[in-house]
């Protein structure tokens, strides 16, 4: 599954995204995490 792949790839970046964004977003956590991940990766 896509989720299993992502959970095993770049694991510590996933931990960081969860720590600073997903667990703290008041709403739309998935969308905001996606935006932060995209910005962090580059342009």
ModelCIF file with pLDDT and N, C-alpha, C, O atoms, coordinates in Angstrom:
data_MODEL
#
_entry.id   MODEL 
#
_entity.id                         1 
_entity.type                       polymer 
_entity.pdbx_number_of_molecules   1 
#
_entity_poly.entity_id                      1 
_entity_poly.type                           'polypeptide(L)' 
_entity_poly.nstd_linkage                   no 
_entity_poly.nstd_monomer                   no 
_entity_poly.pdbx_seq_one_letter_code       
;(UNK)(UNK)(UNK)(UNK)(UNK)(UNK)(UNK)(UNK)(UNK)(UNK)(UNK)(UNK)(UNK)(UNK)(UNK)(UNK)
(UNK)(UNK)(UNK)(UNK)(UNK)(UNK)(UNK)(UNK)(UNK)(UNK)(UNK)(UNK)(UNK)(UNK)(UNK)(UNK)
(UNK)(UNK)(UNK)(UNK)(UNK)(UNK)(UNK)(UNK)(UNK)(UNK)(UNK)
;
_entity_poly.pdbx_seq_one_letter_code_can   XXXXXXXXXXXXXXXXXXXXXXXXXXXXXXXXXXXXXXXXXXX 
_entity_poly.pdbx_strand_id                 A 
#
loop_
_entity_poly_seq.entity_id 
_entity_poly_seq.num 
_entity_poly_seq.mon_id 
_entity_poly_seq.hetero 
1 1  UNK n 
1 2  UNK n 
1 3  UNK n 
1 4  UNK n 
1 5  UNK n 
1 6  UNK n 
1 7  UNK n 
1 8  UNK n 
1 9  UNK n 
1 10 UNK n 
1 11 UNK n 
1 12 UNK n 
1 13 UNK n 
1 14 UNK n 
1 15 UNK n 
1 16 UNK n 
1 17 UNK n 
1 18 UNK n 
1 19 UNK n 
1 20 UNK n 
1 21 UNK n 
1 22 UNK n 
1 23 UNK n 
1 24 UNK n 
1 25 UNK n 
1 26 UNK n 
1 27 UNK n 
1 28 UNK n 
1 29 UNK n 
1 30 UNK n 
1 31 UNK n 
1 32 UNK n 
1 33 UNK n 
1 34 UNK n 
1 35 UNK n 
1 36 UNK n 
1 37 UNK n 
1 38 UNK n 
1 39 UNK n 
1 40 UNK n 
1 41 UNK n 
1 42 UNK n 
1 43 UNK n 
#
_struct_asym.id          A 
_struct_asym.entity_id   1 
#
loop_
_ma_qa_metric.id 
_ma_qa_metric.mode 
_ma_qa_metric.name 
_ma_qa_metric.software_group_id 
_ma_qa_metric.type 
1 global pLDDT . pLDDT 
2 local  pLDDT . pLDDT 
#
_ma_qa_metric_global.metric_id      1 
_ma_qa_metric_global.metric_value   90.09 
_ma_qa_metric_global.model_id       1 
_ma_qa_metric_global.ordinal_id     1 
#
loop_
_ma_qa_metric_local.label_asym_id 
_ma_qa_metric_local.label_comp_id 
_ma_qa_metric_local.label_seq_id 
_ma_qa_metric_local.metric_id 
_ma_qa_metric_local.metric_value 
_ma_qa_metric_local.model_id 
_ma_qa_metric_local.ordinal_id 
A UNK 1  2 89.00 1 1  
A UNK 2  2 86.00 1 2  
A UNK 3  2 85.00 1 3  
A UNK 4  2 91.00 1 4  
A UNK 5  2 92.00 1 5  
A UNK 6  2 89.00 1 6  
A UNK 7  2 91.00 1 7  
A UNK 8  2 95.00 1 8  
A UNK 9  2 94.00 1 9  
A UNK 10 2 94.00 1 10 
A UNK 11 2 96.00 1 11 
A UNK 12 2 96.00 1 12 
A UNK 13 2 95.00 1 13 
A UNK 14 2 93.00 1 14 
A UNK 15 2 95.00 1 15 
A UNK 16 2 96.00 1 16 
A UNK 17 2 95.00 1 17 
A UNK 18 2 94.00 1 18 
A UNK 19 2 95.00 1 19 
A UNK 20 2 96.00 1 20 
A UNK 21 2 95.00 1 21 
A UNK 22 2 91.00 1 22 
A UNK 23 2 93.00 1 23 
A UNK 24 2 92.00 1 24 
A UNK 25 2 90.00 1 25 
A UNK 26 2 88.00 1 26 
A UNK 27 2 86.00 1 27 
A UNK 28 2 83.00 1 28 
A UNK 29 2 85.00 1 29 
A UNK 30 2 78.00 1 30 
A UNK 31 2 79.00 1 31 
A UNK 32 2 86.00 1 32 
A UNK 33 2 87.00 1 33 
A UNK 34 2 81.00 1 34 
A UNK 35 2 84.00 1 35 
A UNK 36 2 92.00 1 36 
A UNK 37 2 91.00 1 37 
A UNK 38 2 86.00 1 38 
A UNK 39 2 90.00 1 39 
A UNK 40 2 94.00 1 40 
A UNK 41 2 91.00 1 41 
A UNK 42 2 88.00 1 42 
A UNK 43 2 87.00 1 43 
#
loop_
_atom_site.group_PDB 
_atom_site.id 
_atom_site.type_symbol 
_atom_site.label_atom_id 
_atom_site.label_alt_id 
_atom_site.label_comp_id 
_atom_site.label_asym_id 
_atom_site.label_entity_id 
_atom_site.label_seq_id 
_atom_site.pdbx_PDB_ins_code 
_atom_site.Cartn_x 
_atom_site.Cartn_y 
_atom_site.Cartn_z 
_atom_site.occupancy 
_atom_site.B_iso_or_equiv 
_atom_site.pdbx_formal_charge 
_atom_site.auth_seq_id 
_atom_site.auth_comp_id 
_atom_site.auth_asym_id 
_atom_site.auth_atom_id 
_atom_site.pdbx_PDB_model_num 
ATOM 1   N N  . UNK A 1 1  ? 0.847  -1.190 0.000  1.00 89.00 ? 1  UNK A N  1 
ATOM 2   C CA . UNK A 1 1  ? 0.000  0.000  0.000  1.00 89.00 ? 1  UNK A CA 1 
ATOM 3   C C  . UNK A 1 1  ? 0.879  1.236  0.000  1.00 89.00 ? 1  UNK A C  1 
ATOM 4   O O  . UNK A 1 1  ? 2.048  1.189  0.384  1.00 89.00 ? 1  UNK A O  1 
ATOM 5   N N  . UNK A 1 2  ? 0.297  2.341  -0.438 1.00 86.00 ? 2  UNK A N  1 
ATOM 6   C CA . UNK A 1 2  ? 1.010  3.615  -0.421 1.00 86.00 ? 2  UNK A CA 1 
ATOM 7   C C  . UNK A 1 2  ? 1.445  3.968  0.987  1.00 86.00 ? 2  UNK A C  1 
ATOM 8   O O  . UNK A 1 2  ? 2.567  4.425  1.205  1.00 86.00 ? 2  UNK A O  1 
ATOM 9   N N  . UNK A 1 3  ? 0.545  3.753  1.950  1.00 85.00 ? 3  UNK A N  1 
ATOM 10  C CA . UNK A 1 3  ? 0.843  4.118  3.333  1.00 85.00 ? 3  UNK A CA 1 
ATOM 11  C C  . UNK A 1 3  ? 2.032  3.335  3.876  1.00 85.00 ? 3  UNK A C  1 
ATOM 12  O O  . UNK A 1 3  ? 2.911  3.894  4.531  1.00 85.00 ? 3  UNK A O  1 
ATOM 13  N N  . UNK A 1 4  ? 2.047  2.026  3.596  1.00 91.00 ? 4  UNK A N  1 
ATOM 14  C CA . UNK A 1 4  ? 3.152  1.204  4.076  1.00 91.00 ? 4  UNK A CA 1 
ATOM 15  C C  . UNK A 1 4  ? 4.470  1.678  3.487  1.00 91.00 ? 4  UNK A C  1 
ATOM 16  O O  . UNK A 1 4  ? 5.480  1.740  4.188  1.00 91.00 ? 4  UNK A O  1 
ATOM 17  N N  . UNK A 1 5  ? 4.464  2.009  2.211  1.00 92.00 ? 5  UNK A N  1 
ATOM 18  C CA . UNK A 1 5  ? 5.683  2.514  1.572  1.00 92.00 ? 5  UNK A CA 1 
ATOM 19  C C  . UNK A 1 5  ? 6.155  3.792  2.262  1.00 92.00 ? 5  UNK A C  1 
ATOM 20  O O  . UNK A 1 5  ? 7.325  3.910  2.627  1.00 92.00 ? 5  UNK A O  1 
ATOM 21  N N  . UNK A 1 6  ? 5.249  4.742  2.438  1.00 89.00 ? 6  UNK A N  1 
ATOM 22  C CA . UNK A 1 6  ? 5.609  6.030  3.034  1.00 89.00 ? 6  UNK A CA 1 
ATOM 23  C C  . UNK A 1 6  ? 6.082  5.857  4.468  1.00 89.00 ? 6  UNK A C  1 
ATOM 24  O O  . UNK A 1 6  ? 7.010  6.539  4.903  1.00 89.00 ? 6  UNK A O  1 
ATOM 25  N N  . UNK A 1 7  ? 5.443  4.941  5.214  1.00 91.00 ? 7  UNK A N  1 
ATOM 26  C CA . UNK A 1 7  ? 5.823  4.715  6.614  1.00 91.00 ? 7  UNK A CA 1 
ATOM 27  C C  . UNK A 1 7  ? 7.238  4.168  6.746  1.00 91.00 ? 7  UNK A C  1 
ATOM 28  O O  . UNK A 1 7  ? 7.856  4.316  7.801  1.00 91.00 ? 7  UNK A O  1 
ATOM 29  N N  . UNK A 1 8  ? 7.757  3.548  5.713  1.00 95.00 ? 8  UNK A N  1 
ATOM 30  C CA . UNK A 1 8  ? 9.087  2.950  5.762  1.00 95.00 ? 8  UNK A CA 1 
ATOM 31  C C  . UNK A 1 8  ? 10.147 3.750  5.012  1.00 95.00 ? 8  UNK A C  1 
ATOM 32  O O  . UNK A 1 8  ? 11.308 3.344  4.958  1.00 95.00 ? 8  UNK A O  1 
ATOM 33  N N  . UNK A 1 9  ? 9.757  4.876  4.436  1.00 94.00 ? 9  UNK A N  1 
ATOM 34  C CA . UNK A 1 9  ? 10.675 5.693  3.634  1.00 94.00 ? 9  UNK A CA 1 
ATOM 35  C C  . UNK A 1 9  ? 10.864 7.039  4.318  1.00 94.00 ? 9  UNK A C  1 
ATOM 36  O O  . UNK A 1 9  ? 9.882  7.685  4.684  1.00 94.00 ? 9  UNK A O  1 
ATOM 37  N N  . UNK A 1 10 ? 12.110 7.473  4.498  1.00 94.00 ? 10 UNK A N  1 
ATOM 38  C CA . UNK A 1 10 ? 12.411 8.759  5.129  1.00 94.00 ? 10 UNK A CA 1 
ATOM 39  C C  . UNK A 1 10 ? 11.641 8.879  6.450  1.00 94.00 ? 10 UNK A C  1 
ATOM 40  O O  . UNK A 1 10 ? 10.902 9.840  6.670  1.00 94.00 ? 10 UNK A O  1 
ATOM 41  N N  . UNK A 1 11 ? 11.826 7.905  7.302  1.00 96.00 ? 11 UNK A N  1 
ATOM 42  C CA . UNK A 1 11 ? 11.031 7.759  8.512  1.00 96.00 ? 11 UNK A CA 1 
ATOM 43  C C  . UNK A 1 11 ? 11.137 8.972  9.431  1.00 96.00 ? 11 UNK A C  1 
ATOM 44  O O  . UNK A 1 11 ? 10.125 9.445  9.949  1.00 96.00 ? 11 UNK A O  1 
ATOM 45  N N  . UNK A 1 12 ? 12.344 9.476  9.635  1.00 96.00 ? 12 UNK A N  1 
ATOM 46  C CA . UNK A 1 12 ? 12.527 10.560 10.594 1.00 96.00 ? 12 UNK A CA 1 
ATOM 47  C C  . UNK A 1 12 ? 11.923 11.870 10.111 1.00 96.00 ? 12 UNK A C  1 
ATOM 48  O O  . UNK A 1 12 ? 11.545 12.711 10.927 1.00 96.00 ? 12 UNK A O  1 
ATOM 49  N N  . UNK A 1 13 ? 11.827 12.059 8.801  1.00 95.00 ? 13 UNK A N  1 
ATOM 50  C CA . UNK A 1 13 ? 11.117 13.229 8.289  1.00 95.00 ? 13 UNK A CA 1 
ATOM 51  C C  . UNK A 1 13 ? 9.635  13.115 8.606  1.00 95.00 ? 13 UNK A C  1 
ATOM 52  O O  . UNK A 1 13 ? 8.988  14.111 8.928  1.00 95.00 ? 13 UNK A O  1 
ATOM 53  N N  . UNK A 1 14 ? 9.091  11.895 8.514  1.00 93.00 ? 14 UNK A N  1 
ATOM 54  C CA . UNK A 1 14 ? 7.704  11.689 8.912  1.00 93.00 ? 14 UNK A CA 1 
ATOM 55  C C  . UNK A 1 14 ? 7.481  11.991 10.381 1.00 93.00 ? 14 UNK A C  1 
ATOM 56  O O  . UNK A 1 14 ? 6.458  12.566 10.752 1.00 93.00 ? 14 UNK A O  1 
ATOM 57  N N  . UNK A 1 15 ? 8.441  11.602 11.226 1.00 95.00 ? 15 UNK A N  1 
ATOM 58  C CA . UNK A 1 15 ? 8.352  11.905 12.660 1.00 95.00 ? 15 UNK A CA 1 
ATOM 59  C C  . UNK A 1 15 ? 8.359  13.408 12.883 1.00 95.00 ? 15 UNK A C  1 
ATOM 60  O O  . UNK A 1 15 ? 7.597  13.927 13.698 1.00 95.00 ? 15 UNK A O  1 
ATOM 61  N N  . UNK A 1 16 ? 9.228  14.105 12.153 1.00 96.00 ? 16 UNK A N  1 
ATOM 62  C CA . UNK A 1 16 ? 9.304  15.566 12.275 1.00 96.00 ? 16 UNK A CA 1 
ATOM 63  C C  . UNK A 1 16 ? 8.002  16.233 11.846 1.00 96.00 ? 16 UNK A C  1 
ATOM 64  O O  . UNK A 1 16 ? 7.498  17.113 12.544 1.00 96.00 ? 16 UNK A O  1 
ATOM 65  N N  . UNK A 1 17 ? 7.460  15.826 10.716 1.00 95.00 ? 17 UNK A N  1 
ATOM 66  C CA . UNK A 1 17 ? 6.205  16.406 10.233 1.00 95.00 ? 17 UNK A CA 1 
ATOM 67  C C  . UNK A 1 17 ? 5.078  16.179 11.238 1.00 95.00 ? 17 UNK A C  1 
ATOM 68  O O  . UNK A 1 17 ? 4.260  17.068 11.473 1.00 95.00 ? 17 UNK A O  1 
ATOM 69  N N  . UNK A 1 18 ? 5.041  15.008 11.818 1.00 94.00 ? 18 UNK A N  1 
ATOM 70  C CA . UNK A 1 18 ? 4.016  14.714 12.819 1.00 94.00 ? 18 UNK A CA 1 
ATOM 71  C C  . UNK A 1 18 ? 4.209  15.570 14.061 1.00 94.00 ? 18 UNK A C  1 
ATOM 72  O O  . UNK A 1 18 ? 3.242  16.071 14.635 1.00 94.00 ? 18 UNK A O  1 
ATOM 73  N N  . UNK A 1 19 ? 5.464  15.737 14.475 1.00 95.00 ? 19 UNK A N  1 
ATOM 74  C CA . UNK A 1 19 ? 5.763  16.470 15.700 1.00 95.00 ? 19 UNK A CA 1 
ATOM 75  C C  . UNK A 1 19 ? 5.443  17.959 15.582 1.00 95.00 ? 19 UNK A C  1 
ATOM 76  O O  . UNK A 1 19 ? 4.871  18.541 16.504 1.00 95.00 ? 19 UNK A O  1 
ATOM 77  N N  . UNK A 1 20 ? 5.805  18.581 14.461 1.00 96.00 ? 20 UNK A N  1 
ATOM 78  C CA . UNK A 1 20 ? 5.683  20.036 14.356 1.00 96.00 ? 20 UNK A CA 1 
ATOM 79  C C  . UNK A 1 20 ? 4.424  20.490 13.642 1.00 96.00 ? 20 UNK A C  1 
ATOM 80  O O  . UNK A 1 20 ? 4.079  21.670 13.703 1.00 96.00 ? 20 UNK A O  1 
ATOM 81  N N  . UNK A 1 21 ? 3.724  19.582 12.965 1.00 95.00 ? 21 UNK A N  1 
ATOM 82  C CA . UNK A 1 21 ? 2.563  20.021 12.193 1.00 95.00 ? 21 UNK A CA 1 
ATOM 83  C C  . UNK A 1 21 ? 1.325  19.169 12.457 1.00 95.00 ? 21 UNK A C  1 
ATOM 84  O O  . UNK A 1 21 ? 0.324  19.676 12.964 1.00 95.00 ? 21 UNK A O  1 
ATOM 85  N N  . UNK A 1 22 ? 1.381  17.896 12.123 1.00 91.00 ? 22 UNK A N  1 
ATOM 86  C CA . UNK A 1 22 ? 0.167  17.077 12.123 1.00 91.00 ? 22 UNK A CA 1 
ATOM 87  C C  . UNK A 1 22 ? -0.502 17.032 13.494 1.00 91.00 ? 22 UNK A C  1 
ATOM 88  O O  . UNK A 1 22 ? -1.719 17.186 13.598 1.00 91.00 ? 22 UNK A O  1 
ATOM 89  N N  . UNK A 1 23 ? 0.289  16.821 14.546 1.00 93.00 ? 23 UNK A N  1 
ATOM 90  C CA . UNK A 1 23 ? -0.278 16.705 15.886 1.00 93.00 ? 23 UNK A CA 1 
ATOM 91  C C  . UNK A 1 23 ? -0.738 18.045 16.456 1.00 93.00 ? 23 UNK A C  1 
ATOM 92  O O  . UNK A 1 23 ? -1.401 18.075 17.494 1.00 93.00 ? 23 UNK A O  1 
ATOM 93  N N  . UNK A 1 24 ? -0.399 19.149 15.798 1.00 92.00 ? 24 UNK A N  1 
ATOM 94  C CA . UNK A 1 24 ? -0.690 20.470 16.356 1.00 92.00 ? 24 UNK A CA 1 
ATOM 95  C C  . UNK A 1 24 ? -1.724 21.250 15.555 1.00 92.00 ? 24 UNK A C  1 
ATOM 96  O O  . UNK A 1 24 ? -2.245 22.259 16.030 1.00 92.00 ? 24 UNK A O  1 
ATOM 97  N N  . UNK A 1 25 ? -2.019 20.796 14.364 1.00 90.00 ? 25 UNK A N  1 
ATOM 98  C CA . UNK A 1 25 ? -2.964 21.522 13.518 1.00 90.00 ? 25 UNK A CA 1 
ATOM 99  C C  . UNK A 1 25 ? -4.372 21.449 14.111 1.00 90.00 ? 25 UNK A C  1 
ATOM 100 O O  . UNK A 1 25 ? -4.840 20.355 14.427 1.00 90.00 ? 25 UNK A O  1 
ATOM 101 N N  . UNK A 1 26 ? -5.057 22.581 14.271 1.00 88.00 ? 26 UNK A N  1 
ATOM 102 C CA . UNK A 1 26 ? -6.412 22.549 14.823 1.00 88.00 ? 26 UNK A CA 1 
ATOM 103 C C  . UNK A 1 26 ? -7.406 21.901 13.869 1.00 88.00 ? 26 UNK A C  1 
ATOM 104 O O  . UNK A 1 26 ? -8.420 21.353 14.301 1.00 88.00 ? 26 UNK A O  1 
ATOM 105 N N  . UNK A 1 27 ? -7.117 21.963 12.573 1.00 86.00 ? 27 UNK A N  1 
ATOM 106 C CA . UNK A 1 27 ? -7.954 21.334 11.556 1.00 86.00 ? 27 UNK A CA 1 
ATOM 107 C C  . UNK A 1 27 ? -7.152 21.198 10.265 1.00 86.00 ? 27 UNK A C  1 
ATOM 108 O O  . UNK A 1 27 ? -6.099 21.815 10.107 1.00 86.00 ? 27 UNK A O  1 
ATOM 109 N N  . UNK A 1 28 ? -7.660 20.390 9.353  1.00 83.00 ? 28 UNK A N  1 
ATOM 110 C CA . UNK A 1 28 ? -7.002 20.153 8.065  1.00 83.00 ? 28 UNK A CA 1 
ATOM 111 C C  . UNK A 1 28 ? -5.544 19.712 8.259  1.00 83.00 ? 28 UNK A C  1 
ATOM 112 O O  . UNK A 1 28 ? -4.643 20.171 7.556  1.00 83.00 ? 28 UNK A O  1 
ATOM 113 N N  . UNK A 1 29 ? -5.338 18.823 9.216  1.00 85.00 ? 29 UNK A N  1 
ATOM 114 C CA . UNK A 1 29 ? -3.970 18.415 9.560  1.00 85.00 ? 29 UNK A CA 1 
ATOM 115 C C  . UNK A 1 29 ? -3.258 17.784 8.374  1.00 85.00 ? 29 UNK A C  1 
ATOM 116 O O  . UNK A 1 29 ? -2.084 18.068 8.136  1.00 85.00 ? 29 UNK A O  1 
ATOM 117 N N  . UNK A 1 30 ? -3.952 16.932 7.628  1.00 78.00 ? 30 UNK A N  1 
ATOM 118 C CA . UNK A 1 30 ? -3.310 16.264 6.498  1.00 78.00 ? 30 UNK A CA 1 
ATOM 119 C C  . UNK A 1 30 ? -2.893 17.260 5.433  1.00 78.00 ? 30 UNK A C  1 
ATOM 120 O O  . UNK A 1 30 ? -1.779 17.181 4.917  1.00 78.00 ? 30 UNK A O  1 
ATOM 121 N N  . UNK A 1 31 ? -3.769 18.198 5.096  1.00 79.00 ? 31 UNK A N  1 
ATOM 122 C CA . UNK A 1 31 ? -3.456 19.190 4.066  1.00 79.00 ? 31 UNK A CA 1 
ATOM 123 C C  . UNK A 1 31 ? -2.295 20.080 4.490  1.00 79.00 ? 31 UNK A C  1 
ATOM 124 O O  . UNK A 1 31 ? -1.399 20.355 3.692  1.00 79.00 ? 31 UNK A O  1 
ATOM 125 N N  . UNK A 1 32 ? -2.305 20.531 5.740  1.00 86.00 ? 32 UNK A N  1 
ATOM 126 C CA . UNK A 1 32 ? -1.227 21.402 6.212  1.00 86.00 ? 32 UNK A CA 1 
ATOM 127 C C  . UNK A 1 32 ? 0.106  20.661 6.264  1.00 86.00 ? 32 UNK A C  1 
ATOM 128 O O  . UNK A 1 32 ? 1.153  21.232 5.961  1.00 86.00 ? 32 UNK A O  1 
ATOM 129 N N  . UNK A 1 33 ? 0.059  19.395 6.649  1.00 87.00 ? 33 UNK A N  1 
ATOM 130 C CA . UNK A 1 33 ? 1.281  18.599 6.667  1.00 87.00 ? 33 UNK A CA 1 
ATOM 131 C C  . UNK A 1 33 ? 1.826  18.426 5.253  1.00 87.00 ? 33 UNK A C  1 
ATOM 132 O O  . UNK A 1 33 ? 3.036  18.491 5.035  1.00 87.00 ? 33 UNK A O  1 
ATOM 133 N N  . UNK A 1 34 ? 0.933  18.207 4.300  1.00 81.00 ? 34 UNK A N  1 
ATOM 134 C CA . UNK A 1 34 ? 1.333  18.103 2.903  1.00 81.00 ? 34 UNK A CA 1 
ATOM 135 C C  . UNK A 1 34 ? 2.014  19.391 2.430  1.00 81.00 ? 34 UNK A C  1 
ATOM 136 O O  . UNK A 1 34 ? 3.044  19.338 1.758  1.00 81.00 ? 34 UNK A O  1 
ATOM 137 N N  . UNK A 1 35 ? 1.443  20.540 2.779  1.00 84.00 ? 35 UNK A N  1 
ATOM 138 C CA . UNK A 1 35 ? 2.024  21.823 2.364  1.00 84.00 ? 35 UNK A CA 1 
ATOM 139 C C  . UNK A 1 35 ? 3.410  22.003 2.965  1.00 84.00 ? 35 UNK A C  1 
ATOM 140 O O  . UNK A 1 35 ? 4.341  22.399 2.263  1.00 84.00 ? 35 UNK A O  1 
ATOM 141 N N  . UNK A 1 36 ? 3.559  21.718 4.260  1.00 92.00 ? 36 UNK A N  1 
ATOM 142 C CA . UNK A 1 36 ? 4.861  21.861 4.903  1.00 92.00 ? 36 UNK A CA 1 
ATOM 143 C C  . UNK A 1 36 ? 5.882  20.916 4.282  1.00 92.00 ? 36 UNK A C  1 
ATOM 144 O O  . UNK A 1 36 ? 7.022  21.311 4.039  1.00 92.00 ? 36 UNK A O  1 
ATOM 145 N N  . UNK A 1 37 ? 5.489  19.679 4.024  1.00 91.00 ? 37 UNK A N  1 
ATOM 146 C CA . UNK A 1 37 ? 6.403  18.720 3.400  1.00 91.00 ? 37 UNK A CA 1 
ATOM 147 C C  . UNK A 1 37 ? 6.855  19.207 2.026  1.00 91.00 ? 37 UNK A C  1 
ATOM 148 O O  . UNK A 1 37 ? 8.032  19.103 1.681  1.00 91.00 ? 37 UNK A O  1 
ATOM 149 N N  . UNK A 1 38 ? 5.915  19.739 1.241  1.00 86.00 ? 38 UNK A N  1 
ATOM 150 C CA . UNK A 1 38 ? 6.258  20.232 -0.091 1.00 86.00 ? 38 UNK A CA 1 
ATOM 151 C C  . UNK A 1 38 ? 7.237  21.405 -0.006 1.00 86.00 ? 38 UNK A C  1 
ATOM 152 O O  . UNK A 1 38 ? 8.216  21.450 -0.752 1.00 86.00 ? 38 UNK A O  1 
ATOM 153 N N  . UNK A 1 39 ? 6.980  22.347 0.895  1.00 90.00 ? 39 UNK A N  1 
ATOM 154 C CA . UNK A 1 39 ? 7.866  23.496 1.044  1.00 90.00 ? 39 UNK A CA 1 
ATOM 155 C C  . UNK A 1 39 ? 9.250  23.068 1.521  1.00 90.00 ? 39 UNK A C  1 
ATOM 156 O O  . UNK A 1 39 ? 10.263 23.600 1.067  1.00 90.00 ? 39 UNK A O  1 
ATOM 157 N N  . UNK A 1 40 ? 9.288  22.114 2.429  1.00 94.00 ? 40 UNK A N  1 
ATOM 158 C CA . UNK A 1 40 ? 10.577 21.657 2.960  1.00 94.00 ? 40 UNK A CA 1 
ATOM 159 C C  . UNK A 1 40 ? 11.401 20.973 1.885  1.00 94.00 ? 40 UNK A C  1 
ATOM 160 O O  . UNK A 1 40 ? 12.616 21.166 1.826  1.00 94.00 ? 40 UNK A O  1 
ATOM 161 N N  . UNK A 1 41 ? 10.767 20.180 1.034  1.00 91.00 ? 41 UNK A N  1 
ATOM 162 C CA . UNK A 1 41 ? 11.512 19.480 -0.007 1.00 91.00 ? 41 UNK A CA 1 
ATOM 163 C C  . UNK A 1 41 ? 12.124 20.434 -1.015 1.00 91.00 ? 41 UNK A C  1 
ATOM 164 O O  . UNK A 1 41 ? 13.205 20.159 -1.535 1.00 91.00 ? 41 UNK A O  1 
ATOM 165 N N  . UNK A 1 42 ? 11.470 21.541 -1.303 1.00 88.00 ? 42 UNK A N  1 
ATOM 166 C CA . UNK A 1 42 ? 12.066 22.503 -2.227 1.00 88.00 ? 42 UNK A CA 1 
ATOM 167 C C  . UNK A 1 42 ? 11.073 23.034 -3.228 1.00 88.00 ? 42 UNK A C  1 
ATOM 168 O O  . UNK A 1 42 ? 9.866  22.840 -3.092 1.00 88.00 ? 42 UNK A O  1 
ATOM 169 N N  . UNK A 1 43 ? 11.592 23.708 -4.237 1.00 87.00 ? 43 UNK A N  1 
ATOM 170 C CA . UNK A 1 43 ? 10.741 24.380 -5.208 1.00 87.00 ? 43 UNK A CA 1 
ATOM 171 C C  . UNK A 1 43 ? 10.870 23.792 -6.610 1.00 87.00 ? 43 UNK A C  1 
ATOM 172 O O  . UNK A 1 43 ? 10.211 24.259 -7.538 1.00 87.00 ? 43 UNK A O  1 
#
